Amino acid sequence: MSSIPARLDDRFFVDDFEPAYVAMWRKGLLEARVEAALAELEVCRVCPRNCEVNRLAGEQALCHTGRPARVATAFAHFGEEDCLRGTDGSGTIFFAFCNLRCVFCQNWDISQAPAGAEATAGEISDLMLQLQSAGCHNINFVTPEHVAPQVVEAIAAAVPRGLKIPVVYNTSGYDSAASLRLMDGLVDIYMPDFKFWNPTTARRLARAGDYPEVARTAIAEMHRQVGVLRFGRDGVARRGVLIRHLVMPGRIDEAAGIFRWLVEELSPDTYVNIMSQYRPQHRVPGSDRYHDIDRRPRAAEMAAAYRAAREAGLWRFDSR
């Protein structure tokens, strides 16, 4: 499916785009936002785990991240959605560690291990500007949920140095509302996963039984800030929410619940990537405990997911 469906009209295009953070900088609001963001680290409630450790003092808890963020890798990514990668790639900055414990994680070597190196705000801003200079269409922060204050700090450092492309906030959906409010006016494109609809599934597969409730609250806040996904006339996304849902074996009912909620609580114009890339990884292969997800989704399951999206009222969905 094309990244720009034929049914789109002028409501879904942005002709005079300026990144949201430029207005914040012009008004002199970035410094106060950084101060507020860093204060969240002192008794850490940056993500829904609410560990309350003092990360400013270097204390660590579930996310294994203290004061500096840890960058696993950064590069021009050509494997993202067409509307993000365009012709010159999405400038991805992958953060190490994660606040979820998905047993099937395909990036477990990054999300569950100390990959890469710690980086200051200045060093992260260097990466952002290097990716922009390489022609990337956006800066794509991957797994930023546990380092939201450091992301705010890095954006504030990069803007006076000439950052001028959209910021993509690419998350698991397990975000705190407080951290998302810190991103208001800084992020142009939110790209959350909506993984699970059933709390029992979320508890079993990600050690987060509150995930469905948290994701609903988080995605509603994202939508409040930036609305439905809109494009430039070149077909590259400029602003809005892009939802990802990874279809898993035997869980089409959860996909259907998610799709209905998106239509009823956000908009039938919500853009959704219905993903077929699930494959057993991390703790799943050969496990008796997770034997039910130790396979790829079948063609019939993918067809059922697309059908559930259409029946819910979605029409802007990609199939990859």
C-alpha atoms as a PDB file:
ATOM      1  CA  MET A   1       0.000   0.000   0.000  1.00  0.00           C
ATOM      2  CA  SER A   2       1.287   3.464  -0.863  1.00  0.00           C
ATOM      3  CA  SER A   3       2.218   5.730   2.027  1.00  0.00           C
ATOM      4  CA  ILE A   4      -0.272   8.269   0.602  1.00  0.00           C
ATOM      5  CA  PRO A   5      -3.665   6.663  -0.087  1.00  0.00           C
ATOM      6  CA  ALA A   6      -5.533   8.118  -3.048  1.00  0.00           C
ATOM      7  CA  ARG A   7      -8.395   9.290  -0.801  1.00  0.00           C
ATOM      8  CA  LEU A   8      -6.283  11.900   0.952  1.00  0.00           C
ATOM      9  CA  ASP A   9      -7.357  15.520   0.559  1.00  0.00           C
ATOM     10  CA  ASP A  10      -5.739  18.767   1.662  1.00  0.00           C
ATOM     11  CA  ARG A  11      -6.553  18.091   5.334  1.00  0.00           C
ATOM     12  CA  PHE A  12      -3.783  15.503   5.375  1.00  0.00           C
ATOM     13  CA  PHE A  13      -1.008  17.687   3.984  1.00  0.00           C
ATOM     14  CA  VAL A  14       1.286  20.278   5.552  1.00  0.00           C
ATOM     15  CA  ASP A  15       2.438  22.889   3.042  1.00  0.00           C
ATOM     16  CA  ASP A  16       4.379  25.347   5.211  1.00  0.00           C
ATOM     17  CA  PHE A  17       6.087  23.020   7.643  1.00  0.00           C
ATOM     18  CA  GLU A  18       8.210  24.215  10.528  1.00  0.00           C
ATOM     19  CA  PRO A  19       9.270  21.785  13.262  1.00  0.00           C
ATOM     20  CA  ALA A  20       7.366  22.316  16.493  1.00  0.00           C
ATOM     21  CA  TYR A  21      10.534  22.888  18.501  1.00  0.00           C
ATOM     22  CA  VAL A  22      11.483  25.968  16.458  1.00  0.00           C
ATOM     23  CA  ALA A  23       8.576  27.941  17.904  1.00  0.00           C
ATOM     24  CA  MET A  24       9.584  26.838  21.405  1.00  0.00           C
ATOM     25  CA  TRP A  25      13.132  28.044  20.783  1.00  0.00           C
ATOM     26  CA  ARG A  26      11.948  31.331  19.251  1.00  0.00           C
ATOM     27  CA  LYS A  27       9.849  32.012  22.359  1.00  0.00           C
ATOM     28  CA  GLY A  28      12.777  31.237  24.665  1.00  0.00           C
ATOM     29  CA  LEU A  29      11.009  28.285  26.295  1.00  0.00           C
ATOM     30  CA  LEU A  30      13.567  25.511  25.820  1.00  0.00           C
ATOM     31  CA  GLU A  31      15.713  26.224  28.874  1.00  0.00           C
ATOM     32  CA  ALA A  32      12.760  26.011  31.265  1.00  0.00           C
ATOM     33  CA  ARG A  33      11.593  22.809  29.585  1.00  0.00           C
ATOM     34  CA  VAL A  34      15.036  21.239  30.089  1.00  0.00           C
ATOM     35  CA  GLU A  35      15.009  22.196  33.775  1.00  0.00           C
ATOM     36  CA  ALA A  36      11.583  20.650  34.243  1.00  0.00           C
ATOM     37  CA  ALA A  37      12.633  17.508  32.385  1.00  0.00           C
ATOM     38  CA  LEU A  38      15.815  16.937  34.366  1.00  0.00           C
ATOM     39  CA  ALA A  39      13.950  17.465  37.633  1.00  0.00           C
ATOM     40  CA  GLU A  40      11.966  14.328  36.769  1.00  0.00           C
ATOM     41  CA  LEU A  41      15.163  12.285  37.145  1.00  0.00           C
ATOM     42  CA  GLU A  42      15.711  13.193  40.791  1.00  0.00           C
ATOM     43  CA  VAL A  43      12.918  10.931  42.059  1.00  0.00           C
ATOM     44  CA  CYS A  44      12.426   9.049  38.843  1.00  0.00           C
ATOM     45  CA  ARG A  45       8.901   8.696  37.536  1.00  0.00           C
ATOM     46  CA  VAL A  46       9.970   9.192  33.933  1.00  0.00           C
ATOM     47  CA  CYS A  47       8.139   6.033  32.845  1.00  0.00           C
ATOM     48  CA  PRO A  48       5.221   4.033  34.296  1.00  0.00           C
ATOM     49  CA  ARG A  49       7.550   1.842  36.351  1.00  0.00           C
ATOM     50  CA  ASN A  50       7.882   4.760  38.844  1.00  0.00           C
ATOM     51  CA  CYS A  51      11.121   3.449  40.345  1.00  0.00           C
ATOM     52  CA  GLU A  52      11.723   6.740  42.229  1.00  0.00           C
ATOM     53  CA  VAL A  53      15.512   6.410  42.278  1.00  0.00           C
ATOM     54  CA  ASN A  54      17.751   9.481  41.983  1.00  0.00           C
ATOM     55  CA  ARG A  55      19.123   9.144  38.491  1.00  0.00           C
ATOM     56  CA  LEU A  56      20.755  12.578  38.702  1.00  0.00           C
ATOM     57  CA  ALA A  57      23.020  10.998  41.311  1.00  0.00           C
ATOM     58  CA  GLY A  58      23.676   8.007  39.071  1.00  0.00           C
ATOM     59  CA  GLU A  59      21.240   5.613  40.720  1.00  0.00           C
ATOM     60  CA  GLN A  60      19.733   2.979  38.444  1.00  0.00           C
ATOM     61  CA  ALA A  61      16.765   0.631  38.592  1.00  0.00           C
ATOM     62  CA  LEU A  62      14.820  -1.368  36.035  1.00  0.00           C
ATOM     63  CA  CYS A  63      16.010   0.554  32.962  1.00  0.00           C
ATOM     64  CA  HIS A  64      19.680   0.351  34.034  1.00  0.00           C
ATOM     65  CA  THR A  65      20.123   3.994  33.021  1.00  0.00           C
ATOM     66  CA  GLY A  66      21.378   6.735  35.326  1.00  0.00           C
ATOM     67  CA  ARG A  67      22.047  10.379  34.456  1.00  0.00           C
ATOM     68  CA  PRO A  68      23.309   9.989  30.864  1.00  0.00           C
ATOM     69  CA  ALA A  69      21.335   8.200  28.186  1.00  0.00           C
ATOM     70  CA  ARG A  70      23.049   5.295  26.481  1.00  0.00           C
ATOM     71  CA  VAL A  71      23.082   5.315  22.668  1.00  0.00           C
ATOM     72  CA  ALA A  72      23.322   1.884  21.071  1.00  0.00           C
ATOM     73  CA  THR A  73      23.646   3.065  17.477  1.00  0.00           C
ATOM     74  CA  ALA A  74      22.712   5.868  15.091  1.00  0.00           C
ATOM     75  CA  PHE A  75      22.335   5.704  11.316  1.00  0.00           C
ATOM     76  CA  ALA A  76      20.178   6.514   8.309  1.00  0.00           C
ATOM     77  CA  HIS A  77      17.479   3.826   8.482  1.00  0.00           C
ATOM     78  CA  PHE A  78      15.889   2.606   5.242  1.00  0.00           C
ATOM     79  CA  GLY A  79      13.747  -0.078   6.883  1.00  0.00           C
ATOM     80  CA  GLU A  80      11.155   2.231   8.421  1.00  0.00           C
ATOM     81  CA  GLU A  81       7.763   3.064   6.902  1.00  0.00           C
ATOM     82  CA  ASP A  82       7.891   4.600   3.427  1.00  0.00           C
ATOM     83  CA  CYS A  83       6.572   7.899   4.744  1.00  0.00           C
ATOM     84  CA  LEU A  84       9.466   8.156   7.206  1.00  0.00           C
ATOM     85  CA  ARG A  85      12.390   6.834   5.194  1.00  0.00           C
ATOM     86  CA  GLY A  86      11.566   8.714   1.979  1.00  0.00           C
ATOM     87  CA  THR A  87      14.511   8.666  -0.404  1.00  0.00           C
ATOM     88  CA  ASP A  88      17.313   9.433   2.060  1.00  0.00           C
ATOM     89  CA  GLY A  89      16.394   7.510   5.187  1.00  0.00           C
ATOM     90  CA  SER A  90      15.102   8.174   8.677  1.00  0.00           C
ATOM     91  CA  GLY A  91      17.826   9.393  11.035  1.00  0.00           C
ATOM     92  CA  THR A  92      17.490   6.839  13.798  1.00  0.00           C
ATOM     93  CA  ILE A  93      19.103   7.095  17.215  1.00  0.00           C
ATOM     94  CA  PHE A  94      18.592   3.821  19.096  1.00  0.00           C
ATOM     95  CA  PHE A  95      18.776   4.084  22.881  1.00  0.00           C
ATOM     96  CA  ALA A  96      19.987   1.083  24.850  1.00  0.00           C
ATOM     97  CA  PHE A  97      17.726  -0.606  27.391  1.00  0.00           C
ATOM     98  CA  CYS A  98      13.941  -0.525  27.659  1.00  0.00           C
ATOM     99  CA  ASN A  99      11.261  -0.302  30.339  1.00  0.00           C
ATOM    100  CA  LEU A 100       9.461  -3.399  29.017  1.00  0.00           C
ATOM    101  CA  ARG A 101      10.581  -7.016  29.238  1.00  0.00           C
ATOM    102  CA  CYS A 102       9.053  -8.470  26.068  1.00  0.00           C
ATOM    103  CA  VAL A 103       9.971 -12.150  25.933  1.00  0.00           C
ATOM    104  CA  PHE A 104       9.875 -12.075  22.111  1.00  0.00           C
ATOM    105  CA  CYS A 105      11.946  -8.898  21.620  1.00  0.00           C
ATOM    106  CA  GLN A 106      13.770  -8.860  18.301  1.00  0.00           C
ATOM    107  CA  ASN A 107      16.207  -6.231  19.592  1.00  0.00           C
ATOM    108  CA  TRP A 108      16.913  -7.897  22.919  1.00  0.00           C
ATOM    109  CA  ASP A 109      20.665  -7.426  22.496  1.00  0.00           C
ATOM    110  CA  ILE A 110      20.021  -3.674  22.667  1.00  0.00           C
ATOM    111  CA  SER A 111      16.925  -3.487  24.863  1.00  0.00           C
ATOM    112  CA  GLN A 112      18.168  -5.860  27.577  1.00  0.00           C
ATOM    113  CA  ALA A 113      21.921  -5.290  27.447  1.00  0.00           C
ATOM    114  CA  PRO A 114      24.336  -2.347  27.857  1.00  0.00           C
ATOM    115  CA  ALA A 115      24.904  -1.777  24.142  1.00  0.00           C
ATOM    116  CA  GLY A 116      26.742   1.253  22.816  1.00  0.00           C
ATOM    117  CA  ALA A 117      27.988   4.008  25.083  1.00  0.00           C
ATOM    118  CA  GLU A 118      26.741   6.714  27.398  1.00  0.00           C
ATOM    119  CA  ALA A 119      26.261  10.050  25.657  1.00  0.00           C
ATOM    120  CA  THR A 120      25.846  13.635  26.838  1.00  0.00           C
ATOM    121  CA  ALA A 121      23.224  15.976  25.430  1.00  0.00           C
ATOM    122  CA  GLY A 122      25.923  17.603  23.325  1.00  0.00           C
ATOM    123  CA  GLU A 123      27.023  14.271  21.910  1.00  0.00           C
ATOM    124  CA  ILE A 124      23.441  13.289  21.068  1.00  0.00           C
ATOM    125  CA  SER A 125      22.903  16.665  19.405  1.00  0.00           C
ATOM    126  CA  ASP A 126      26.075  16.013  17.355  1.00  0.00           C
ATOM    127  CA  LEU A 127      24.485  12.783  16.117  1.00  0.00           C
ATOM    128  CA  MET A 128      21.254  14.591  15.260  1.00  0.00           C
ATOM    129  CA  LEU A 129      23.050  17.209  13.190  1.00  0.00           C
ATOM    130  CA  GLN A 130      25.211  14.590  11.463  1.00  0.00           C
ATOM    131  CA  LEU A 131      22.092  12.683  10.420  1.00  0.00           C
ATOM    132  CA  GLN A 132      20.485  15.890   9.182  1.00  0.00           C
ATOM    133  CA  SER A 133      23.629  16.718   7.187  1.00  0.00           C
ATOM    134  CA  ALA A 134      23.497  13.239   5.640  1.00  0.00           C
ATOM    135  CA  GLY A 135      20.091  14.136   4.187  1.00  0.00           C
ATOM    136  CA  CYS A 136      17.843  12.201   6.562  1.00  0.00           C
ATOM    137  CA  HIS A 137      14.222  13.337   6.522  1.00  0.00           C
ATOM    138  CA  ASN A 138      13.785  13.267  10.300  1.00  0.00           C
ATOM    139  CA  ILE A 139      15.413  12.445  13.630  1.00  0.00           C
ATOM    140  CA  ASN A 140      13.924   9.184  14.890  1.00  0.00           C
ATOM    141  CA  PHE A 141      14.439   8.506  18.612  1.00  0.00           C
ATOM    142  CA  VAL A 142      13.933   4.774  19.172  1.00  0.00           C
ATOM    143  CA  THR A 143      13.001   3.478  22.649  1.00  0.00           C
ATOM    144  CA  PRO A 144      13.126   6.891  24.364  1.00  0.00           C
ATOM    145  CA  GLU A 145      10.543   6.129  27.078  1.00  0.00           C
ATOM    146  CA  HIS A 146      13.093   5.846  29.895  1.00  0.00           C
ATOM    147  CA  VAL A 147      15.279   8.740  28.680  1.00  0.00           C
ATOM    148  CA  ALA A 148      12.642  11.361  27.869  1.00  0.00           C
ATOM    149  CA  PRO A 149      14.429  14.082  29.914  1.00  0.00           C
ATOM    150  CA  GLN A 150      17.691  13.425  28.091  1.00  0.00           C
ATOM    151  CA  VAL A 151      15.840  13.652  24.762  1.00  0.00           C
ATOM    152  CA  VAL A 152      14.454  17.068  25.760  1.00  0.00           C
ATOM    153  CA  GLU A 153      17.975  18.144  26.723  1.00  0.00           C
ATOM    154  CA  ALA A 154      19.452  16.951  23.414  1.00  0.00           C
ATOM    155  CA  ILE A 155      16.772  18.647  21.291  1.00  0.00           C
ATOM    156  CA  ALA A 156      17.359  21.906  23.160  1.00  0.00           C
ATOM    157  CA  ALA A 157      21.091  21.605  22.475  1.00  0.00           C
ATOM    158  CA  ALA A 158      20.591  20.892  18.762  1.00  0.00           C
ATOM    159  CA  VAL A 159      18.049  23.572  17.833  1.00  0.00           C
ATOM    160  CA  PRO A 160      20.358  26.616  18.234  1.00  0.00           C
ATOM    161  CA  ARG A 161      22.927  24.727  16.151  1.00  0.00           C
ATOM    162  CA  GLY A 162      20.599  24.474  13.170  1.00  0.00           C
ATOM    163  CA  LEU A 163      18.344  21.435  13.620  1.00  0.00           C
ATOM    164  CA  LYS A 164      15.405  21.880  11.241  1.00  0.00           C
ATOM    165  CA  ILE A 165      13.860  18.477  10.459  1.00  0.00           C
ATOM    166  CA  PRO A 166      10.957  16.707  12.208  1.00  0.00           C
ATOM    167  CA  VAL A 167      11.511  14.800  15.437  1.00  0.00           C
ATOM    168  CA  VAL A 168       9.988  11.317  15.580  1.00  0.00           C
ATOM    169  CA  TYR A 169       9.288   9.792  19.009  1.00  0.00           C
ATOM    170  CA  ASN A 170       9.347   6.037  18.368  1.00  0.00           C
ATOM    171  CA  THR A 171       8.092   4.219  21.462  1.00  0.00           C
ATOM    172  CA  SER A 172       6.671   0.959  22.805  1.00  0.00           C
ATOM    173  CA  GLY A 173       3.576   2.822  23.972  1.00  0.00           C
ATOM    174  CA  TYR A 174       4.603   2.322  27.607  1.00  0.00           C
ATOM    175  CA  ASP A 175       5.075   6.032  28.275  1.00  0.00           C
ATOM    176  CA  SER A 176       4.138   8.177  31.238  1.00  0.00           C
ATOM    177  CA  ALA A 177       1.729  11.035  30.608  1.00  0.00           C
ATOM    178  CA  ALA A 178       4.073  13.389  32.495  1.00  0.00           C
ATOM    179  CA  SER A 179       6.980  12.607  30.171  1.00  0.00           C
ATOM    180  CA  LEU A 180       4.775  13.069  27.120  1.00  0.00           C
ATOM    181  CA  ARG A 181       3.741  16.504  28.366  1.00  0.00           C
ATOM    182  CA  LEU A 182       7.434  17.377  28.477  1.00  0.00           C
ATOM    183  CA  MET A 183       7.612  16.486  24.776  1.00  0.00           C
ATOM    184  CA  ASP A 184       4.644  18.714  23.864  1.00  0.00           C
ATOM    185  CA  GLY A 185       5.888  21.296  21.378  1.00  0.00           C
ATOM    186  CA  LEU A 186       9.126  19.395  20.728  1.00  0.00           C
ATOM    187  CA  VAL A 187       7.915  16.280  18.886  1.00  0.00           C
ATOM    188  CA  ASP A 188       6.366  16.419  15.426  1.00  0.00           C
ATOM    189  CA  ILE A 189       5.630  12.722  14.853  1.00  0.00           C
ATOM    190  CA  TYR A 190       4.741  10.173  17.497  1.00  0.00           C
ATOM    191  CA  MET A 191       5.169   6.546  16.448  1.00  0.00           C
ATOM    192  CA  PRO A 192       3.994   4.324  19.313  1.00  0.00           C
ATOM    193  CA  ASP A 193       3.469   0.602  19.284  1.00  0.00           C
ATOM    194  CA  PHE A 194       0.125  -0.616  20.594  1.00  0.00           C
ATOM    195  CA  LYS A 195       1.176  -4.158  21.445  1.00  0.00           C
ATOM    196  CA  PHE A 196      -1.463  -5.713  23.694  1.00  0.00           C
ATOM    197  CA  TRP A 197      -5.127  -5.165  24.468  1.00  0.00           C
ATOM    198  CA  ASN A 198      -5.406  -7.781  27.209  1.00  0.00           C
ATOM    199  CA  PRO A 199      -3.684  -7.040  30.568  1.00  0.00           C
ATOM    200  CA  THR A 200      -3.057 -10.753  31.116  1.00  0.00           C
ATOM    201  CA  THR A 201      -1.156 -10.963  27.849  1.00  0.00           C
ATOM    202  CA  ALA A 202       0.840  -7.832  28.706  1.00  0.00           C
ATOM    203  CA  ARG A 203       1.763  -9.203  32.136  1.00  0.00           C
ATOM    204  CA  ARG A 204       2.804 -12.570  30.733  1.00  0.00           C
ATOM    205  CA  LEU A 205       4.755 -11.344  27.713  1.00  0.00           C
ATOM    206  CA  ALA A 206       6.142  -7.966  28.850  1.00  0.00           C
ATOM    207  CA  ARG A 207       5.944  -7.941  32.662  1.00  0.00           C
ATOM    208  CA  ALA A 208       3.575  -4.967  32.476  1.00  0.00           C
ATOM    209  CA  GLY A 209      -0.031  -5.801  33.266  1.00  0.00           C
ATOM    210  CA  ASP A 210      -0.962  -2.125  33.132  1.00  0.00           C
ATOM    211  CA  TYR A 211       0.365  -1.791  29.575  1.00  0.00           C
ATOM    212  CA  PRO A 212      -3.040  -1.571  27.798  1.00  0.00           C
ATOM    213  CA  GLU A 213      -4.306   1.179  30.105  1.00  0.00           C
ATOM    214  CA  VAL A 214      -1.001   3.071  29.959  1.00  0.00           C
ATOM    215  CA  ALA A 215      -0.838   2.814  26.163  1.00  0.00           C
ATOM    216  CA  ARG A 216      -4.379   4.134  25.771  1.00  0.00           C
ATOM    217  CA  THR A 217      -3.609   7.135  27.956  1.00  0.00           C
ATOM    218  CA  ALA A 218      -0.278   7.772  26.247  1.00  0.00           C
ATOM    219  CA  ILE A 219      -1.581   7.493  22.697  1.00  0.00           C
ATOM    220  CA  ALA A 220      -4.540   9.745  23.478  1.00  0.00           C
ATOM    221  CA  GLU A 221      -2.071  12.376  24.751  1.00  0.00           C
ATOM    222  CA  MET A 222       0.064  12.007  21.637  1.00  0.00           C
ATOM    223  CA  HIS A 223      -3.008  12.489  19.464  1.00  0.00           C
ATOM    224  CA  ARG A 224      -4.032  15.550  21.477  1.00  0.00           C
ATOM    225  CA  GLN A 225      -0.661  17.118  20.774  1.00  0.00           C
ATOM    226  CA  VAL A 226      -0.189  16.428  17.062  1.00  0.00           C
ATOM    227  CA  GLY A 227      -3.387  14.907  15.627  1.00  0.00           C
ATOM    228  CA  VAL A 228      -3.609  12.473  12.726  1.00  0.00           C
ATOM    229  CA  LEU A 229      -0.644  11.882  10.450  1.00  0.00           C
ATOM    230  CA  ARG A 230      -0.060  14.504   7.765  1.00  0.00           C
ATOM    231  CA  PHE A 231       2.455  14.639   4.925  1.00  0.00           C
ATOM    232  CA  GLY A 232       4.432  17.015   2.812  1.00  0.00           C
ATOM    233  CA  ARG A 233       3.610  16.967  -0.879  1.00  0.00           C
ATOM    234  CA  ASP A 234       6.668  14.738  -1.337  1.00  0.00           C
ATOM    235  CA  GLY A 235       4.927  11.951   0.591  1.00  0.00           C
ATOM    236  CA  VAL A 236       7.183  12.218   3.654  1.00  0.00           C
ATOM    237  CA  ALA A 237       5.428  12.515   7.022  1.00  0.00           C
ATOM    238  CA  ARG A 238       5.616  15.891   8.726  1.00  0.00           C
ATOM    239  CA  ARG A 239       3.369  15.760  11.786  1.00  0.00           C
ATOM    240  CA  GLY A 240       0.937  13.478  13.571  1.00  0.00           C
ATOM    241  CA  VAL A 241       0.575  10.008  15.087  1.00  0.00           C
ATOM    242  CA  LEU A 242       1.515   6.766  13.335  1.00  0.00           C
ATOM    243  CA  ILE A 243       0.486   3.635  15.258  1.00  0.00           C
ATOM    244  CA  ARG A 244       2.286   0.329  14.875  1.00  0.00           C
ATOM    245  CA  HIS A 245       0.628  -2.962  15.736  1.00  0.00           C
ATOM    246  CA  LEU A 246       2.665  -6.147  15.495  1.00  0.00           C
ATOM    247  CA  VAL A 247       0.337  -9.045  14.693  1.00  0.00           C
ATOM    248  CA  MET A 248       1.169 -11.992  16.948  1.00  0.00           C
ATOM    249  CA  PRO A 249       0.119 -15.638  16.635  1.00  0.00           C
ATOM    250  CA  GLY A 250      -3.343 -16.366  17.958  1.00  0.00           C
ATOM    251  CA  ARG A 251      -4.143 -12.818  19.073  1.00  0.00           C
ATOM    252  CA  ILE A 252      -6.366 -11.338  16.383  1.00  0.00           C
ATOM    253  CA  ASP A 253      -8.970 -10.514  19.041  1.00  0.00           C
ATOM    254  CA  GLU A 254      -6.449  -8.163  20.642  1.00  0.00           C
ATOM    255  CA  ALA A 255      -5.752  -6.480  17.307  1.00  0.00           C
ATOM    256  CA  ALA A 256      -9.490  -5.999  16.802  1.00  0.00           C
ATOM    257  CA  GLY A 257      -9.850  -4.404  20.239  1.00  0.00           C
ATOM    258  CA  ILE A 258      -7.015  -2.000  19.523  1.00  0.00           C
ATOM    259  CA  PHE A 259      -8.410  -1.030  16.127  1.00  0.00           C
ATOM    260  CA  ARG A 260     -11.888  -0.371  17.537  1.00  0.00           C
ATOM    261  CA  TRP A 261     -10.439   1.840  20.254  1.00  0.00           C
ATOM    262  CA  LEU A 262      -8.391   3.859  17.752  1.00  0.00           C
ATOM    263  CA  VAL A 263     -11.512   4.636  15.747  1.00  0.00           C
ATOM    264  CA  GLU A 264     -13.806   5.294  18.711  1.00  0.00           C
ATOM    265  CA  GLU A 265     -11.416   7.312  20.886  1.00  0.00           C
ATOM    266  CA  LEU A 266      -9.032   8.935  18.381  1.00  0.00           C
ATOM    267  CA  SER A 267     -10.209   9.070  14.774  1.00  0.00           C
ATOM    268  CA  PRO A 268     -11.049   6.782  11.853  1.00  0.00           C
ATOM    269  CA  ASP A 269      -8.342   8.779  10.069  1.00  0.00           C
ATOM    270  CA  THR A 270      -5.667   7.320  12.355  1.00  0.00           C
ATOM    271  CA  TYR A 271      -2.729   5.925  10.367  1.00  0.00           C
ATOM    272  CA  VAL A 272      -1.823   2.362  11.404  1.00  0.00           C
ATOM    273  CA  ASN A 273       0.968   0.074  10.277  1.00  0.00           C
ATOM    274  CA  ILE A 274      -0.296  -3.500  10.660  1.00  0.00           C
ATOM    275  CA  MET A 275       2.986  -5.373  10.895  1.00  0.00           C
ATOM    276  CA  SER A 276       3.695  -8.944   9.855  1.00  0.00           C
ATOM    277  CA  GLN A 277       7.330  -8.971  10.996  1.00  0.00           C
ATOM    278  CA  TYR A 278       6.816 -10.970  14.197  1.00  0.00           C
ATOM    279  CA  ARG A 279       9.224 -13.865  14.518  1.00  0.00           C
ATOM    280  CA  PRO A 280      10.154 -15.818  17.659  1.00  0.00           C
ATOM    281  CA  GLN A 281      13.211 -14.299  19.349  1.00  0.00           C
ATOM    282  CA  HIS A 282      14.847 -13.839  22.765  1.00  0.00           C
ATOM    283  CA  ARG A 283      13.194 -16.200  25.298  1.00  0.00           C
ATOM    284  CA  VAL A 284      10.603 -17.740  22.980  1.00  0.00           C
ATOM    285  CA  PRO A 285      12.355 -20.215  20.650  1.00  0.00           C
ATOM    286  CA  GLY A 286      12.096 -23.739  22.025  1.00  0.00           C
ATOM    287  CA  SER A 287      10.360 -22.610  25.219  1.00  0.00           C
ATOM    288  CA  ASP A 288       7.510 -24.718  26.622  1.00  0.00           C
ATOM    289  CA  ARG A 289       6.215 -21.666  28.469  1.00  0.00           C
ATOM    290  CA  TYR A 290       5.826 -19.619  25.278  1.00  0.00           C
ATOM    291  CA  HIS A 291       5.122 -22.356  22.792  1.00  0.00           C
ATOM    292  CA  ASP A 292       1.923 -20.577  21.677  1.00  0.00           C
ATOM    293  CA  ILE A 293       3.931 -17.716  20.156  1.00  0.00           C
ATOM    294  CA  ASP A 294       6.836 -19.814  18.908  1.00  0.00           C
ATOM    295  CA  ARG A 295       5.895 -19.359  15.255  1.00  0.00           C
ATOM    296  CA  ARG A 296       5.324 -16.672  12.643  1.00  0.00           C
ATOM    297  CA  PRO A 297       1.770 -15.360  12.133  1.00  0.00           C
ATOM    298  CA  ARG A 298      -0.049 -17.252   9.408  1.00  0.00           C
ATOM    299  CA  ALA A 299      -1.330 -15.654   6.211  1.00  0.00           C
ATOM    300  CA  ALA A 300      -4.886 -16.205   7.419  1.00  0.00           C
ATOM    301  CA  GLU A 301      -4.107 -14.341  10.637  1.00  0.00           C
ATOM    302  CA  MET A 302      -2.700 -11.383   8.738  1.00  0.00           C
ATOM    303  CA  ALA A 303      -5.770 -11.339   6.495  1.00  0.00           C
ATOM    304  CA  ALA A 304      -7.965 -11.398   9.599  1.00  0.00           C
ATOM    305  CA  ALA A 305      -6.059  -8.445  11.056  1.00  0.00           C
ATOM    306  CA  TYR A 306      -6.568  -6.369   7.912  1.00  0.00           C
ATOM    307  CA  ARG A 307     -10.239  -7.335   7.923  1.00  0.00           C
ATOM    308  CA  ALA A 308     -10.569  -6.306  11.583  1.00  0.00           C
ATOM    309  CA  ALA A 309      -9.039  -2.914  10.761  1.00  0.00           C
ATOM    310  CA  ARG A 310     -11.509  -2.330   7.943  1.00  0.00           C
ATOM    311  CA  GLU A 311     -14.456  -3.502  10.025  1.00  0.00           C
ATOM    312  CA  ALA A 312     -13.440  -1.133  12.819  1.00  0.00           C
ATOM    313  CA  GLY A 313     -13.563   1.763  10.350  1.00  0.00           C
ATOM    314  CA  LEU A 314      -9.850   2.338   9.729  1.00  0.00           C
ATOM    315  CA  TRP A 315      -8.868   3.143   6.152  1.00  0.00           C
ATOM    316  CA  ARG A 316      -5.373   4.619   6.510  1.00  0.00           C
ATOM    317  CA  PHE A 317      -3.437   1.477   7.273  1.00  0.00           C
ATOM    318  CA  ASP A 318      -0.212   0.171   5.851  1.00  0.00           C
ATOM    319  CA  SER A 319       0.526  -3.533   5.463  1.00  0.00           C
ATOM    320  CA  ARG A 320       4.166  -4.583   5.718  1.00  0.00           C
END
